[in-house]
Amino acid sequence: MKLNQISFNIIAAAIKVHETLGPGLLESVYQKCMVIELRKLGLGVEAEVDLPVIYEGEKITELGFRIDLLVESAVIVELKSVEEVKPVHKKQLLTYLRLAKKDLGLLINFNEVLLKKGIVRVVNDFKEEAREKKA
């Protein structure tokens, strides 16, 4: 399945969850509901995926970060239930994409009256080859 189709399905699941529950709940509640909806759509989904930090080929820490949802082993979904999405939230997702070597992530803030205002698509355009050529 292509990344655009996966992200379309993720957004559809998020809209269903948001329409059912509304804004204002804990992130953990939305996460569990998203897993249910994504599996109903036939998508492979993992929750709370450990993301170790590797530096210069060495594992710095086993539990560096945790990815909220990893869908089809391809798209990282970072869930929020905050007053406002800040630039640091987008940077966090981009860091996860780079560490996990994934191309696409979705930041979804369920604490919006209209969910589409709380969805941010983040693309990892960092190319490993480009960095190696500069060195």
Protein backbone atom coordinates (compact mmCIF):
# COMPACT_ATOMS: atom_id res chain seq x y z
CA MET A 1 0.00 0.00 0.00
CA LYS A 2 1.33 3.44 -0.91
CA LEU A 3 2.04 6.11 1.70
CA ASN A 4 -0.74 8.41 0.47
CA GLN A 5 -3.33 5.64 0.79
CA ILE A 6 -2.06 4.72 4.25
CA SER A 7 -2.22 8.35 5.40
CA PHE A 8 -5.71 8.72 3.90
CA ASN A 9 -6.86 5.71 5.94
CA ILE A 10 -5.19 7.03 9.11
CA ILE A 11 -6.98 10.35 8.72
CA ALA A 12 -10.29 8.58 8.10
CA ALA A 13 -9.80 6.58 11.29
CA ALA A 14 -8.91 9.73 13.23
CA ILE A 15 -12.03 11.50 11.98
CA LYS A 16 -14.19 8.54 13.07
CA VAL A 17 -12.61 8.52 16.53
CA HIS A 18 -12.97 12.29 16.86
CA GLU A 19 -16.60 12.28 15.69
CA THR A 20 -17.38 9.56 18.23
CA LEU A 21 -15.50 10.92 21.24
CA GLY A 22 -14.98 14.62 20.55
CA PRO A 23 -12.09 16.70 21.89
CA GLY A 24 -10.78 16.94 25.42
CA LEU A 25 -9.80 13.40 26.38
CA LEU A 26 -6.36 12.03 27.22
CA GLU A 27 -3.99 11.14 24.40
CA SER A 28 -3.91 7.52 25.65
CA VAL A 29 -7.65 7.16 25.05
CA TYR A 30 -7.38 8.37 21.47
CA GLN A 31 -4.40 6.08 20.92
CA LYS A 32 -6.32 2.96 21.95
CA CYS A 33 -9.30 3.95 19.82
CA MET A 34 -7.04 4.64 16.82
CA VAL A 35 -5.56 1.15 17.10
CA ILE A 36 -9.08 -0.32 17.01
CA GLU A 37 -10.14 1.77 14.00
CA LEU A 38 -6.93 1.15 12.03
CA ARG A 39 -7.18 -2.60 12.58
CA LYS A 40 -10.83 -2.50 11.45
CA LEU A 41 -9.52 -0.97 8.21
CA GLY A 42 -7.16 -3.92 7.81
CA LEU A 43 -4.01 -1.93 8.54
CA GLY A 44 -1.07 -3.23 10.51
CA VAL A 45 -0.54 -0.99 13.52
CA GLU A 46 1.84 -1.02 16.47
CA ALA A 47 1.47 1.24 19.51
CA GLU A 48 4.19 2.60 21.79
CA VAL A 49 7.03 1.45 19.55
CA ASP A 50 10.45 1.83 21.17
CA LEU A 51 12.82 4.01 19.18
CA PRO A 52 16.39 3.74 20.40
CA VAL A 53 18.93 6.49 19.77
CA ILE A 54 21.89 5.46 17.63
CA TYR A 55 24.89 7.78 17.42
CA GLU A 56 27.92 7.05 15.25
CA GLY A 57 26.79 3.44 14.98
CA GLU A 58 26.45 2.95 18.73
CA LYS A 59 23.19 2.53 20.61
CA ILE A 60 23.11 5.37 23.14
CA THR A 61 19.92 4.26 24.84
CA GLU A 62 17.51 1.41 24.30
CA LEU A 63 14.46 3.51 25.16
CA GLY A 64 15.24 6.83 23.57
CA PHE A 65 11.71 7.61 22.49
CA ARG A 66 8.37 5.94 21.88
CA ILE A 67 6.41 6.23 18.66
CA ASP A 68 2.69 6.57 19.43
CA LEU A 69 1.61 4.58 16.37
CA LEU A 70 3.50 2.95 13.52
CA VAL A 71 1.12 2.05 10.70
CA GLU A 72 2.01 -0.56 8.09
CA SER A 73 5.64 -0.25 9.28
CA ALA A 74 5.76 2.91 7.17
CA VAL A 75 3.91 5.90 8.67
CA ILE A 76 4.59 7.34 12.11
CA VAL A 77 1.59 8.87 13.85
CA GLU A 78 2.19 11.23 16.76
CA LEU A 79 -0.98 11.84 18.74
CA LYS A 80 -1.64 14.93 20.83
CA SER A 81 -4.46 16.31 22.91
CA VAL A 82 -3.15 19.81 23.51
CA GLU A 83 -4.45 23.35 23.42
CA GLU A 84 -2.28 24.18 20.42
CA VAL A 85 0.24 22.35 18.24
CA LYS A 86 3.60 24.02 18.71
CA PRO A 87 6.64 23.95 16.42
CA VAL A 88 8.36 21.63 18.92
CA HIS A 89 5.69 18.98 18.28
CA LYS A 90 6.46 19.06 14.55
CA LYS A 91 10.19 18.90 15.27
CA GLN A 92 9.61 15.92 17.56
CA LEU A 93 7.85 14.03 14.78
CA LEU A 94 10.55 14.93 12.26
CA THR A 95 13.19 13.62 14.68
CA TYR A 96 11.26 10.37 15.04
CA LEU A 97 11.07 10.07 11.25
CA ARG A 98 14.82 10.57 10.92
CA LEU A 99 15.74 8.17 13.73
CA ALA A 100 13.37 5.50 12.40
CA LYS A 101 14.35 6.18 8.76
CA LYS A 102 10.73 6.68 7.71
CA ASP A 103 9.48 9.10 5.08
CA LEU A 104 6.06 10.18 6.33
CA GLY A 105 4.46 11.12 9.62
CA LEU A 106 1.15 12.54 10.76
CA LEU A 107 0.75 14.75 13.80
CA ILE A 108 -2.87 14.58 14.97
CA ASN A 109 -4.17 16.87 17.71
CA PHE A 110 -7.53 15.59 18.92
CA ASN A 111 -8.14 18.69 21.05
CA GLU A 112 -9.71 20.60 18.17
CA VAL A 113 -13.38 21.26 17.51
CA LEU A 114 -12.75 20.52 13.82
CA LEU A 115 -10.17 17.75 13.56
CA LYS A 116 -8.82 18.77 10.14
CA LYS A 117 -7.32 21.85 11.84
CA GLY A 118 -5.33 19.50 14.08
CA ILE A 119 -3.72 17.35 11.38
CA VAL A 120 -0.20 18.09 10.19
CA ARG A 121 1.61 16.01 7.58
CA VAL A 122 5.38 15.88 8.07
CA VAL A 123 7.74 14.58 5.39
CA ASN A 124 11.28 13.48 6.12
CA ASP A 125 13.21 14.91 3.20
CA PHE A 126 16.56 14.30 4.90
CA LYS A 127 18.58 12.08 2.62
CA GLU A 128 21.29 9.95 4.17
CA GLU A 129 23.24 9.98 0.91
CA ALA A 130 23.28 13.79 0.86
CA ARG A 131 24.78 13.90 4.34
CA GLU A 132 27.43 11.34 3.43
CA LYS A 133 28.42 13.31 0.30
CA LYS A 134 28.93 16.48 2.36
CA ALA A 135 31.28 14.72 4.76
